[in-house]
Amino acid sequence: MEKLATFAVRRTAVTAAVFILFSAAGLAQYTPASDAPRDDATTSAVHELQGQVRELRALVEQMRSENTQSRAEMQQLRQQLQETRKLLEPFTAASNSPSADAETALPNSSTSAAASQTASSSTHPDLENRVQKLEESTQLLGAKVDEQHQTKLETATKYRARLYGIVLMNAFRNVGGADNLDFPNIAQQPNPGDPSASFGATLRQSEIGLEVFGPTVAGARTSAQVQMDFAGGFPAVGNGVNFGLARLQTASARFDWAHTSVVVGQDSLFVSPLSPTSFASLAVPTFAYAGNLWGWIPQIRVEHRFDLSDQHTFTIQGGILDNLNWEPPSDPYFRMEQAGERSGRPAVGARMAWSQPLFGRPLSIGVAGYYTRQNWSWGRYLDGWAGMTDWQIPLAPRLTLSGEFYRGRAAGGIGAAISRPVVFGGSLGDPFTVIRGLDSAGGWAQLKLEITPKLEMNGSFAQDNAYAIDIRGFAVDANNFGPIIGRNRGQLANFIYHPRSDLVLAAEFRRLLTFPVYSSSSVTNQVNLSVGVLF
């Protein structure tokens, strides 16, 4: 406004200067009828007016220079507005870019454009009006994007919901037999007469999730989520392998305070929070039966975070879990209790972790423990446990080492010992059969290299080892529902490319090497190509 006032004063001065200039020119050209010489006072006045004219001409030149600068700033403003509109165009389409990118990109662009508009609009009234209209248009576009983000998914309540997931296609070629064709976990010998190589494709690892943001309760922000895939089996129809059945992965509710969270529902295993990076295996975490403990288990847990400083955080987690033992359901419709549930008490877990940023990425180290008590009928009680550690260590700005290690006994309910908690010395139906908890140790490690912000390379090694001393001379395959595996080893290398935030392309080579206790080892190699669209 101060510059506008200055401009008004200068315009008035210019008008006055023009008037004086014409007056001076007329006075200089006027000659009295008597042809008398001009006196000294008149000559002095003319010189004074000529000086004022020169000053006014200099002022006009300055105004012209400022006007030229204003035009340049206007041109710059138009360019910035065009850039802002380019940023807004993907969001108005609603399907070309995630809403999170819109929330990130829009404020920064609109803020810088508004600042440039404010700086340049004060030099000309017409420019001021144009800038104001541009600001209003930008704000209107931003409001429409926000409105679309808030209302693109309607709920029965007034609270916001977010739909997310991935449409994922995997094309693969296997050499060697496996427990599962599209995402193998255990290598097996091919059936007699079958070829050693196979090829296929699937979309049943696609995932869909829904997150709902609820009200604030007792100072806690509430939210809930449910996530599922289509890897729950196949209908008994022609080409049924293409019609994967929907399967619940996780479903939970959260109460989040500033430093404390309570999670209730079926969620991932919080005592083993990490997994190797791969788009070839989403239906189960990568190397789930080769040292990577996991489970989507009903649980109640509490988390508390201590901010030791601006950079250091210490987290404590503890909770109870459904006491499962990796037993398949005994009935397809009615639920029967498993050995852990027959003990009458839940499994318990706890974890502590320390973290701080390093090279712009989290550096974290955690330790955890798990305990389960099982009742295998006829008074055969067994205690199971596992101790774990996990780490994420940035070695360089683009290089990160991560992994987990565990040591446990009778912890097959969370995937330990190739998901076998115990071995039987005879028939399980015989009340005199001795049951032994299976000791095991395993883990995995991954090295991640971010070649560019859009391209990364991962290399992983994993192994799960069930102690053969607990098996040999005590248990045989015939009494234990299939071959007893002593060791399972996995290796992978993959490239993952994100041409844009909602598109992923990946190529992976995976090798599995499985060692049954009472038969020869088996090798399976898989090449997997993945194309996924995130939403």
Protein backbone atom coordinates (compact mmCIF):
# COMPACT_ATOMS: atom_id res chain seq x y z
CA MET A 1 0.00 0.00 0.00
CA GLU A 2 2.89 2.34 0.74
CA LYS A 3 4.24 1.79 -2.78
CA LEU A 4 0.80 2.45 -4.23
CA ALA A 5 0.63 5.77 -2.39
CA THR A 6 4.08 6.66 -3.69
CA PHE A 7 2.95 5.83 -7.19
CA ALA A 8 -0.09 8.12 -6.86
CA VAL A 9 2.10 11.00 -5.69
CA ARG A 10 4.48 10.45 -8.59
CA ARG A 11 1.62 10.40 -11.10
CA THR A 12 0.33 13.71 -9.72
CA ALA A 13 3.84 15.16 -9.98
CA VAL A 14 4.11 14.08 -13.58
CA THR A 15 0.78 15.75 -14.41
CA ALA A 16 1.92 18.94 -12.76
CA ALA A 17 5.24 18.77 -14.57
CA VAL A 18 3.56 18.45 -17.93
CA PHE A 19 1.36 21.44 -17.13
CA ILE A 20 4.34 23.50 -16.02
CA LEU A 21 6.32 22.37 -19.06
CA PHE A 22 3.68 23.62 -21.47
CA SER A 23 3.30 26.82 -19.45
CA ALA A 24 7.06 27.39 -19.60
CA ALA A 25 7.17 26.75 -23.33
CA GLY A 26 4.37 29.25 -23.89
CA LEU A 27 6.10 31.82 -21.70
CA ALA A 28 9.35 31.36 -23.58
CA GLN A 29 7.64 31.90 -26.93
CA TYR A 30 5.63 34.95 -25.83
CA THR A 31 6.94 38.37 -27.08
CA PRO A 32 5.42 41.65 -25.87
CA ALA A 33 3.89 43.91 -28.53
CA SER A 34 6.20 46.68 -27.57
CA ASP A 35 9.31 44.49 -28.37
CA ALA A 36 10.76 45.53 -24.97
CA PRO A 37 13.64 43.33 -23.61
CA ARG A 38 12.85 40.84 -20.85
CA ASP A 39 13.96 41.78 -17.41
CA ASP A 40 16.23 39.72 -15.18
CA ALA A 41 13.37 38.31 -13.06
CA THR A 42 11.71 36.76 -16.10
CA THR A 43 14.99 35.20 -17.24
CA SER A 44 15.54 33.69 -13.77
CA ALA A 45 12.03 32.24 -13.75
CA VAL A 46 12.56 30.62 -17.14
CA HIS A 47 15.85 29.02 -16.02
CA GLU A 48 14.16 27.71 -12.87
CA LEU A 49 11.34 26.21 -14.91
CA GLN A 50 13.82 24.58 -17.27
CA GLY A 51 15.56 22.96 -14.28
CA GLN A 52 12.25 21.66 -13.00
CA VAL A 53 11.50 20.23 -16.45
CA ARG A 54 14.80 18.35 -16.45
CA GLU A 55 14.03 16.92 -13.02
CA LEU A 56 10.57 15.86 -14.14
CA ARG A 57 12.02 14.22 -17.25
CA ALA A 58 14.37 12.23 -15.01
CA LEU A 59 11.36 11.25 -12.87
CA VAL A 60 9.48 10.09 -15.99
CA GLU A 61 12.46 7.97 -17.03
CA GLN A 62 12.55 6.41 -13.56
CA MET A 63 8.82 5.63 -13.83
CA ARG A 64 9.41 4.00 -17.22
CA SER A 65 12.18 1.87 -15.72
CA GLU A 66 9.94 0.79 -12.86
CA ASN A 67 7.15 0.00 -15.30
CA THR A 68 9.55 -2.19 -17.32
CA GLN A 69 10.58 -3.97 -14.10
CA SER A 70 6.91 -4.49 -13.23
CA ARG A 71 6.30 -6.11 -16.60
CA ALA A 72 9.25 -8.43 -16.06
CA GLU A 73 7.93 -9.39 -12.63
CA MET A 74 4.49 -9.95 -14.15
CA GLN A 75 6.03 -12.29 -16.71
CA GLN A 76 7.81 -14.15 -13.95
CA LEU A 77 4.53 -14.35 -12.03
CA ARG A 78 2.76 -15.83 -15.04
CA GLN A 79 5.47 -18.45 -15.36
CA GLN A 80 5.14 -19.37 -11.69
CA LEU A 81 1.36 -19.60 -12.07
CA GLN A 82 1.79 -21.95 -15.02
CA GLU A 83 4.10 -24.12 -12.91
CA THR A 84 1.52 -24.11 -10.12
CA ARG A 85 -1.21 -25.17 -12.54
CA LYS A 86 1.02 -27.99 -13.81
CA LEU A 87 1.40 -29.18 -10.24
CA LEU A 88 -2.35 -29.04 -9.71
CA GLU A 89 -3.33 -30.82 -12.93
CA PRO A 90 -2.41 -34.35 -11.72
CA PHE A 91 -4.45 -33.90 -8.54
CA THR A 92 -7.58 -32.75 -10.33
CA ALA A 93 -7.48 -36.00 -12.29
CA ALA A 94 -7.77 -37.89 -8.95
CA SER A 95 -6.27 -41.05 -10.40
CA ASN A 96 -2.86 -39.99 -11.64
CA SER A 97 -1.19 -39.24 -8.32
CA PRO A 98 -1.75 -40.09 -4.62
CA SER A 99 -3.44 -37.48 -2.47
CA ALA A 100 -0.44 -37.39 -0.18
CA ASP A 101 1.64 -35.93 -3.03
CA ALA A 102 -1.02 -33.27 -3.58
CA GLU A 103 -0.92 -32.29 0.04
CA THR A 104 2.85 -32.03 -0.15
CA ALA A 105 3.32 -30.31 -3.49
CA LEU A 106 0.43 -27.86 -3.46
CA PRO A 107 1.21 -25.81 -0.34
CA ASN A 108 4.85 -25.27 -1.31
CA SER A 109 4.03 -24.14 -4.85
CA SER A 110 1.09 -21.95 -3.91
CA THR A 111 3.03 -20.36 -1.06
CA SER A 112 5.97 -19.41 -3.29
CA ALA A 113 3.62 -18.10 -5.98
CA ALA A 114 1.71 -16.02 -3.44
CA ALA A 115 4.95 -14.56 -2.11
CA SER A 116 6.08 -13.59 -5.60
CA GLN A 117 2.69 -12.07 -6.31
CA THR A 118 2.83 -9.95 -3.17
CA ALA A 119 6.32 -8.68 -3.99
CA SER A 120 5.57 -7.70 -7.57
CA SER A 121 1.98 -6.46 -7.33
CA SER A 122 2.74 -3.31 -5.38
CA THR A 123 4.24 -1.39 -8.31
CA HIS A 124 1.16 -1.02 -10.46
CA PRO A 125 -2.60 -0.88 -9.69
CA ASP A 126 -3.49 -2.99 -12.73
CA LEU A 127 -0.87 -5.53 -11.71
CA GLU A 128 -2.30 -5.57 -8.20
CA ASN A 129 -5.75 -6.45 -9.53
CA ARG A 130 -4.41 -9.20 -11.77
CA VAL A 131 -2.37 -10.71 -8.98
CA GLN A 132 -5.35 -10.70 -6.67
CA LYS A 133 -7.41 -12.55 -9.27
CA LEU A 134 -4.60 -15.07 -9.76
CA GLU A 135 -4.39 -15.64 -6.01
CA GLU A 136 -8.12 -16.21 -5.83
CA SER A 137 -7.96 -18.69 -8.72
CA THR A 138 -5.09 -20.59 -7.13
CA GLN A 139 -6.87 -20.73 -3.78
CA LEU A 140 -10.02 -21.96 -5.51
CA LEU A 141 -8.10 -24.74 -7.27
CA GLY A 142 -6.44 -25.71 -4.01
CA ALA A 143 -9.80 -25.78 -2.25
CA LYS A 144 -11.21 -28.02 -4.96
CA VAL A 145 -8.27 -30.42 -4.61
CA ASP A 146 -8.74 -30.51 -0.83
CA GLU A 147 -12.46 -31.04 -1.25
CA GLN A 148 -11.86 -33.89 -3.67
CA HIS A 149 -9.36 -35.43 -1.27
CA GLN A 150 -11.86 -35.26 1.58
CA THR A 151 -14.93 -36.45 -0.30
CA LYS A 152 -13.67 -38.93 -2.86
CA LEU A 153 -14.60 -41.78 -0.48
CA GLU A 154 -17.95 -41.43 1.28
CA THR A 155 -18.55 -43.01 4.68
CA ALA A 156 -21.64 -43.48 6.82
CA THR A 157 -20.15 -41.11 9.39
CA LYS A 158 -18.65 -37.66 9.08
CA TYR A 159 -15.11 -38.96 9.56
CA ARG A 160 -12.59 -39.21 6.75
CA ALA A 161 -11.66 -42.54 5.16
CA ARG A 162 -8.79 -43.44 2.87
CA LEU A 163 -8.74 -46.29 0.38
CA TYR A 164 -5.31 -47.67 -0.52
CA GLY A 165 -3.67 -50.74 -1.96
CA ILE A 166 -1.81 -52.14 -4.95
CA VAL A 167 -2.84 -53.92 -8.12
CA LEU A 168 0.11 -56.27 -8.61
CA MET A 169 0.89 -58.70 -11.39
CA ASN A 170 3.70 -61.21 -11.01
CA ALA A 171 5.07 -63.20 -13.94
CA PHE A 172 7.53 -65.91 -12.94
CA ARG A 173 9.60 -68.84 -14.10
CA ASN A 174 10.66 -71.54 -11.66
CA VAL A 175 13.35 -74.14 -12.04
CA GLY A 176 12.82 -76.84 -9.42
CA GLY A 177 9.86 -77.87 -7.29
CA ALA A 178 8.38 -75.78 -4.49
CA ASP A 179 5.58 -75.74 -1.94
CA ASN A 180 3.92 -72.92 -3.86
CA LEU A 181 4.26 -72.02 -7.53
CA ASP A 182 3.85 -68.22 -7.54
CA PHE A 183 5.58 -67.27 -4.27
CA PRO A 184 7.63 -70.30 -3.17
CA ASN A 185 8.85 -70.54 0.43
CA ILE A 186 10.28 -74.07 0.60
CA ALA A 187 12.12 -75.96 -2.15
CA GLN A 188 10.91 -79.49 -2.94
CA GLN A 189 11.76 -82.27 -5.33
CA PRO A 190 9.54 -82.22 -8.47
CA ASN A 191 7.02 -85.03 -8.69
CA PRO A 192 8.21 -88.05 -10.68
CA GLY A 193 7.72 -87.48 -14.39
CA ASP A 194 7.20 -83.71 -14.03
CA PRO A 195 9.54 -81.26 -15.77
CA SER A 196 11.84 -79.21 -13.59
CA ALA A 197 10.83 -75.82 -15.09
CA SER A 198 7.50 -74.01 -14.98
CA PHE A 199 6.08 -70.62 -15.94
CA GLY A 200 3.03 -68.70 -14.74
CA ALA A 201 1.50 -65.40 -13.75
CA THR A 202 -0.82 -64.22 -11.00
CA LEU A 203 -2.59 -61.18 -9.58
CA ARG A 204 -3.68 -62.78 -6.33
CA GLN A 205 -1.01 -60.88 -4.39
CA SER A 206 -2.86 -57.62 -5.07
CA GLU A 207 -3.86 -55.89 -1.85
CA ILE A 208 -6.65 -53.54 -0.86
CA GLY A 209 -6.99 -51.62 2.39
CA LEU A 210 -9.25 -49.09 4.07
CA GLU A 211 -8.21 -46.67 6.79
CA VAL A 212 -10.73 -44.61 8.78
CA PHE A 213 -9.81 -41.60 10.90
CA GLY A 214 -12.13 -41.26 13.86
CA PRO A 215 -12.76 -38.70 16.62
CA THR A 216 -10.47 -37.67 19.44
CA VAL A 217 -11.22 -39.75 22.55
CA ALA A 218 -9.67 -38.81 25.90
CA GLY A 219 -7.02 -36.84 24.04
CA ALA A 220 -6.18 -39.72 21.69
CA ARG A 221 -6.55 -39.63 17.92
CA THR A 222 -8.46 -42.74 16.87
CA SER A 223 -8.16 -44.63 13.62
CA ALA A 224 -8.88 -48.07 12.22
CA GLN A 225 -7.72 -50.07 9.22
CA VAL A 226 -8.49 -53.30 7.44
CA GLN A 227 -6.32 -54.90 4.73
CA MET A 228 -6.80 -58.00 2.62
CA ASP A 229 -5.44 -59.80 -0.40
CA PHE A 230 -6.66 -62.54 -2.72
CA ALA A 231 -4.34 -65.36 -1.69
CA GLY A 232 -6.87 -67.26 0.44
CA GLY A 233 -7.16 -70.28 -1.86
CA PHE A 234 -8.85 -71.21 -5.13
CA PRO A 235 -12.44 -72.05 -6.04
CA ALA A 236 -12.98 -75.51 -7.48
CA VAL A 237 -13.82 -74.30 -10.99
CA GLY A 238 -12.06 -74.25 -14.32
CA ASN A 239 -9.06 -71.90 -14.26
CA GLY A 240 -9.76 -71.41 -10.57
CA VAL A 241 -6.13 -70.43 -10.03
CA ASN A 242 -7.06 -67.06 -11.55
CA PHE A 243 -9.89 -66.44 -9.08
CA GLY A 244 -8.05 -66.13 -5.79
CA LEU A 245 -10.29 -65.92 -2.72
CA ALA A 246 -10.22 -62.82 -0.53
CA ARG A 247 -8.25 -63.25 2.69
CA LEU A 248 -8.02 -61.07 5.77
CA GLN A 249 -4.50 -59.90 6.57
CA THR A 250 -4.84 -57.22 9.24
CA ALA A 251 -7.68 -55.32 10.91
CA SER A 252 -7.02 -53.11 13.91
CA ALA A 253 -7.98 -49.96 15.79
CA ARG A 254 -5.47 -47.43 17.15
CA PHE A 255 -5.54 -44.85 19.94
CA ASP A 256 -2.63 -42.44 19.53
CA TRP A 257 -1.58 -39.90 22.14
CA ALA A 258 1.50 -37.70 21.84
CA HIS A 259 3.87 -40.39 23.17
CA THR A 260 1.66 -43.43 23.76
CA SER A 261 -0.34 -45.70 21.45
CA VAL A 262 -2.73 -48.58 22.06
CA VAL A 263 -3.41 -51.04 19.23
CA VAL A 264 -6.27 -53.56 19.35
CA GLY A 265 -6.90 -56.05 16.57
CA GLN A 266 -5.20 -58.42 14.17
CA ASP A 267 -1.87 -56.89 13.24
CA SER A 268 1.66 -57.80 12.19
CA LEU A 269 4.10 -59.26 14.70
CA PHE A 270 5.47 -56.26 16.60
CA VAL A 271 8.38 -58.22 18.11
CA SER A 272 9.64 -58.83 14.56
CA PRO A 273 8.85 -55.58 12.70
CA LEU A 274 11.14 -55.78 9.63
CA SER A 275 11.15 -57.79 6.39
CA PRO A 276 13.35 -57.87 3.29
CA THR A 277 12.17 -55.65 0.44
CA SER A 278 10.45 -57.54 -2.37
CA PHE A 279 7.40 -57.28 -4.64
CA ALA A 280 7.65 -60.96 -5.54
CA SER A 281 6.24 -62.00 -2.16
CA LEU A 282 3.47 -59.92 -0.58
CA ALA A 283 1.01 -62.68 0.31
CA VAL A 284 3.55 -63.72 2.94
CA PRO A 285 6.57 -61.66 3.99
CA THR A 286 9.79 -62.42 2.15
CA PHE A 287 11.64 -65.47 3.59
CA ALA A 288 8.75 -66.10 5.99
CA TYR A 289 9.93 -69.71 6.47
CA ALA A 290 13.65 -69.00 6.31
CA GLY A 291 14.39 -67.02 9.46
CA ASN A 292 11.98 -64.09 9.09
CA LEU A 293 9.55 -64.42 12.01
CA TRP A 294 6.08 -63.14 11.20
CA GLY A 295 2.38 -63.50 11.80
CA TRP A 296 -0.90 -61.60 11.40
CA ILE A 297 -2.13 -62.31 14.89
CA PRO A 298 -4.97 -60.87 17.04
CA GLN A 299 -3.33 -58.85 19.80
CA ILE A 300 -3.54 -55.98 22.27
CA ARG A 301 -0.38 -53.96 22.64
CA VAL A 302 0.79 -50.70 24.19
CA GLU A 303 3.62 -48.53 22.86
CA HIS A 304 5.34 -45.63 24.61
CA ARG A 305 7.95 -43.36 23.07
CA PHE A 306 10.54 -41.42 25.05
CA ASP A 307 12.10 -38.42 23.33
CA LEU A 308 15.59 -38.49 24.81
CA SER A 309 16.52 -35.47 22.66
CA ASP A 310 15.56 -33.89 19.38
CA GLN A 311 17.32 -36.75 17.56
CA HIS A 312 17.10 -39.75 19.89
CA THR A 313 13.95 -41.80 20.58
CA PHE A 314 13.52 -44.80 22.86
CA THR A 315 10.41 -46.98 22.36
CA ILE A 316 8.91 -49.66 24.60
CA GLN A 317 6.24 -52.07 23.33
CA GLY A 318 4.40 -54.80 25.18
CA GLY A 319 1.27 -56.84 24.62
CA ILE A 320 -0.62 -60.10 24.62
CA LEU A 321 -1.30 -62.19 21.52
CA ASP A 322 -3.57 -65.04 20.51
CA ASN A 323 -1.57 -68.14 21.46
CA LEU A 324 -1.32 -69.83 18.07
CA ASN A 325 0.88 -72.76 17.02
CA TRP A 326 0.71 -72.73 13.22
CA GLU A 327 -1.78 -75.60 13.20
CA PRO A 328 -4.18 -75.72 10.23
CA PRO A 329 -7.89 -75.54 11.13
CA SER A 330 -9.37 -78.94 11.95
CA ASP A 331 -12.78 -77.92 10.59
CA PRO A 332 -13.57 -75.61 7.62
CA TYR A 333 -16.54 -73.95 9.38
CA PHE A 334 -16.23 -74.33 13.15
CA ARG A 335 -13.18 -73.09 15.02
CA MET A 336 -11.42 -75.52 17.36
CA GLU A 337 -8.76 -74.50 19.87
CA GLN A 338 -5.07 -74.98 19.17
CA ALA A 339 -2.47 -76.21 21.65
CA GLY A 340 -1.56 -72.72 22.78
CA GLU A 341 -5.19 -71.71 23.25
CA ARG A 342 -5.82 -74.88 25.26
CA SER A 343 -3.31 -73.63 27.84
CA GLY A 344 -5.86 -71.03 28.93
CA ARG A 345 -3.47 -68.10 28.66
CA PRO A 346 -2.30 -65.76 25.89
CA ALA A 347 1.17 -65.48 24.45
CA VAL A 348 3.08 -62.38 25.54
CA GLY A 349 5.66 -60.25 23.78
CA ALA A 350 7.79 -57.19 24.53
CA ARG A 351 10.22 -55.06 22.55
CA MET A 352 12.56 -52.13 23.20
CA ALA A 353 14.12 -50.04 20.45
CA TRP A 354 16.38 -47.00 20.13
CA SER A 355 16.49 -44.84 17.02
CA GLN A 356 17.97 -41.65 15.63
CA PRO A 357 18.34 -40.20 12.10
CA LEU A 358 21.56 -40.81 10.18
CA PHE A 359 22.18 -39.70 6.59
CA GLY A 360 18.52 -38.67 6.47
CA ARG A 361 17.36 -42.22 7.34
CA PRO A 362 16.45 -43.95 10.60
CA LEU A 363 19.18 -45.75 12.50
CA SER A 364 17.48 -48.19 14.86
CA ILE A 365 18.37 -51.17 17.02
CA GLY A 366 15.77 -53.25 18.84
CA VAL A 367 15.60 -56.28 21.11
CA ALA A 368 12.46 -58.33 21.78
CA GLY A 369 11.16 -61.41 23.55
CA TYR A 370 8.23 -63.80 23.12
CA TYR A 371 6.71 -66.44 25.45
CA THR A 372 4.06 -69.10 24.87
CA ARG A 373 2.66 -71.94 26.96
CA GLN A 374 1.09 -74.88 25.13
CA ASN A 375 -1.11 -77.80 26.11
CA TRP A 376 -0.88 -80.75 23.72
CA SER A 377 -3.64 -82.66 25.55
CA TRP A 378 -3.29 -85.37 28.16
CA GLY A 379 -1.49 -82.93 30.44
CA ARG A 380 1.44 -82.47 28.09
CA TYR A 381 2.38 -78.83 28.78
CA LEU A 382 5.26 -77.15 27.02
CA ASP A 383 6.84 -73.72 27.36
CA GLY A 384 8.05 -71.92 24.25
CA TRP A 385 10.13 -68.77 23.91
CA ALA A 386 12.13 -66.69 21.49
CA GLY A 387 14.59 -63.82 21.80
CA MET A 388 15.07 -61.47 18.84
CA THR A 389 17.07 -58.48 17.72
CA ASP A 390 16.50 -56.23 14.72
CA TRP A 391 18.53 -53.43 13.18
CA GLN A 392 18.54 -50.75 10.48
CA ILE A 393 21.95 -49.15 9.95
CA PRO A 394 22.57 -46.53 7.23
CA LEU A 395 26.16 -47.16 6.13
CA ALA A 396 26.20 -44.24 3.69
CA PRO A 397 23.70 -41.73 2.31
CA ARG A 398 22.37 -44.34 -0.15
CA LEU A 399 23.39 -47.61 1.49
CA THR A 400 21.49 -49.31 4.34
CA LEU A 401 22.04 -52.59 6.16
CA SER A 402 19.01 -54.14 7.88
CA GLY A 403 18.09 -57.50 9.34
CA GLU A 404 16.87 -59.65 12.19
CA PHE A 405 18.14 -62.59 14.22
CA TYR A 406 16.34 -64.92 16.64
CA ARG A 407 17.00 -67.86 18.93
CA GLY A 408 14.10 -69.83 20.36
CA ARG A 409 12.36 -73.03 21.32
CA ALA A 410 8.83 -74.24 20.49
CA ALA A 411 8.13 -70.89 18.80
CA GLY A 412 6.68 -72.24 15.56
CA GLY A 413 3.53 -70.19 16.13
CA ILE A 414 5.45 -67.12 14.92
CA GLY A 415 7.25 -68.92 12.09
CA ALA A 416 10.35 -70.21 13.90
CA ALA A 417 11.92 -73.58 13.00
CA ILE A 418 10.28 -73.43 9.55
CA SER A 419 6.93 -72.96 11.39
CA ARG A 420 7.20 -76.21 13.39
CA PRO A 421 6.92 -75.72 17.17
CA VAL A 422 7.33 -79.33 18.33
CA VAL A 423 8.20 -82.84 17.16
CA PHE A 424 6.45 -86.01 18.30
CA GLY A 425 8.10 -89.20 19.42
CA GLY A 426 5.06 -91.23 18.36
CA SER A 427 1.42 -90.84 17.46
CA LEU A 428 -0.07 -87.60 18.74
CA GLY A 429 -3.29 -89.41 19.66
CA ASP A 430 -1.41 -91.66 22.10
CA PRO A 431 -1.42 -90.07 25.59
CA PHE A 432 1.98 -91.65 26.29
CA THR A 433 3.68 -90.06 23.26
CA VAL A 434 6.47 -87.70 24.28
CA ILE A 435 6.50 -84.22 22.76
CA ARG A 436 9.66 -82.17 22.43
CA GLY A 437 9.90 -78.44 21.78
CA LEU A 438 12.05 -77.77 18.73
CA ASP A 439 15.11 -75.59 19.29
CA SER A 440 15.98 -73.30 16.41
CA ALA A 441 17.92 -70.22 15.37
CA GLY A 442 17.79 -68.06 12.27
CA GLY A 443 17.58 -64.66 10.74
CA TRP A 444 18.17 -62.58 7.65
CA ALA A 445 20.18 -59.59 6.47
CA GLN A 446 19.64 -57.17 3.60
CA LEU A 447 21.80 -54.58 1.89
CA LYS A 448 19.85 -51.82 0.12
CA LEU A 449 21.48 -49.48 -2.40
CA GLU A 450 19.49 -46.50 -3.70
CA ILE A 451 21.08 -45.96 -7.10
CA THR A 452 18.81 -42.99 -7.84
CA PRO A 453 15.75 -41.61 -6.01
CA LYS A 454 13.63 -43.84 -8.28
CA LEU A 455 15.81 -46.94 -8.60
CA GLU A 456 17.04 -49.22 -5.82
CA MET A 457 18.81 -52.56 -5.62
CA ASN A 458 18.43 -55.08 -2.76
CA GLY A 459 20.40 -58.16 -1.85
CA SER A 460 19.26 -60.50 0.96
CA PHE A 461 20.36 -63.71 2.64
CA ALA A 462 18.24 -65.70 5.11
CA GLN A 463 18.36 -69.00 6.97
CA ASP A 464 16.29 -70.90 9.51
CA ASN A 465 17.88 -73.84 11.30
CA ALA A 466 15.97 -76.39 13.39
CA TYR A 467 18.44 -78.24 15.60
CA ALA A 468 18.81 -81.76 14.24
CA ILE A 469 19.82 -83.07 17.67
CA ASP A 470 16.18 -82.58 18.76
CA ILE A 471 14.97 -84.65 15.82
CA ARG A 472 17.30 -87.51 14.98
CA GLY A 473 16.59 -90.63 16.97
CA PHE A 474 13.45 -89.07 18.47
CA ALA A 475 10.98 -88.16 15.71
CA VAL A 476 10.26 -89.46 12.21
CA ASP A 477 8.31 -87.99 9.32
CA ALA A 478 5.47 -90.51 9.63
CA ASN A 479 4.48 -89.23 13.09
CA ASN A 480 4.86 -85.52 12.31
CA PHE A 481 2.43 -84.85 9.44
CA GLY A 482 5.00 -84.63 6.67
CA PRO A 483 8.73 -84.21 6.17
CA ILE A 484 10.64 -82.58 9.02
CA ILE A 485 12.88 -79.82 7.65
CA GLY A 486 16.17 -79.22 9.39
CA ARG A 487 17.30 -76.10 7.52
CA ASN A 488 15.84 -73.69 4.96
CA ARG A 489 18.00 -71.10 3.23
CA GLY A 490 17.09 -68.25 0.88
CA GLN A 491 18.90 -65.68 -1.23
CA LEU A 492 17.59 -62.92 -3.49
CA ALA A 493 18.66 -59.94 -5.56
CA ASN A 494 16.21 -57.48 -7.06
CA PHE A 495 15.88 -54.13 -8.77
CA ILE A 496 12.88 -51.94 -7.97
CA TYR A 497 12.07 -48.93 -10.15
CA HIS A 498 9.45 -46.25 -9.45
CA PRO A 499 8.97 -44.23 -12.67
CA ARG A 500 6.40 -42.27 -10.65
CA SER A 501 5.05 -42.46 -7.14
CA ASP A 502 2.07 -44.69 -8.03
CA LEU A 503 3.85 -47.12 -10.38
CA VAL A 504 6.41 -49.80 -9.54
CA LEU A 505 8.42 -52.11 -11.80
CA ALA A 506 10.57 -54.85 -10.28
CA ALA A 507 12.75 -57.74 -11.37
CA GLU A 508 13.99 -60.37 -8.91
CA PHE A 509 16.02 -63.55 -8.80
CA ARG A 510 15.40 -65.81 -5.80
CA ARG A 511 17.07 -69.06 -4.78
CA LEU A 512 15.78 -71.47 -2.11
CA LEU A 513 17.78 -74.36 -0.70
CA THR A 514 15.91 -76.70 1.67
CA PHE A 515 17.41 -79.55 3.75
CA PRO A 516 14.92 -82.13 5.06
CA VAL A 517 16.24 -84.26 7.93
CA TYR A 518 15.49 -87.63 6.37
CA SER A 519 15.78 -86.93 2.61
CA SER A 520 18.04 -85.16 0.15
CA SER A 521 18.15 -81.39 -0.25
CA SER A 522 16.20 -79.47 -2.91
CA VAL A 523 16.91 -76.29 -4.85
CA THR A 524 14.45 -73.91 -6.48
CA ASN A 525 15.33 -70.85 -8.54
CA GLN A 526 12.73 -68.25 -9.49
CA VAL A 527 12.87 -65.25 -11.80
CA ASN A 528 10.00 -62.87 -11.04
CA LEU A 529 8.87 -59.75 -12.92
CA SER A 530 6.42 -57.46 -11.13
CA VAL A 531 4.24 -54.58 -12.30
CA GLY A 532 2.23 -52.75 -9.67
CA VAL A 533 -0.03 -49.72 -9.55
CA LEU A 534 -0.41 -48.12 -6.13
CA PHE A 535 -3.56 -46.27 -5.13
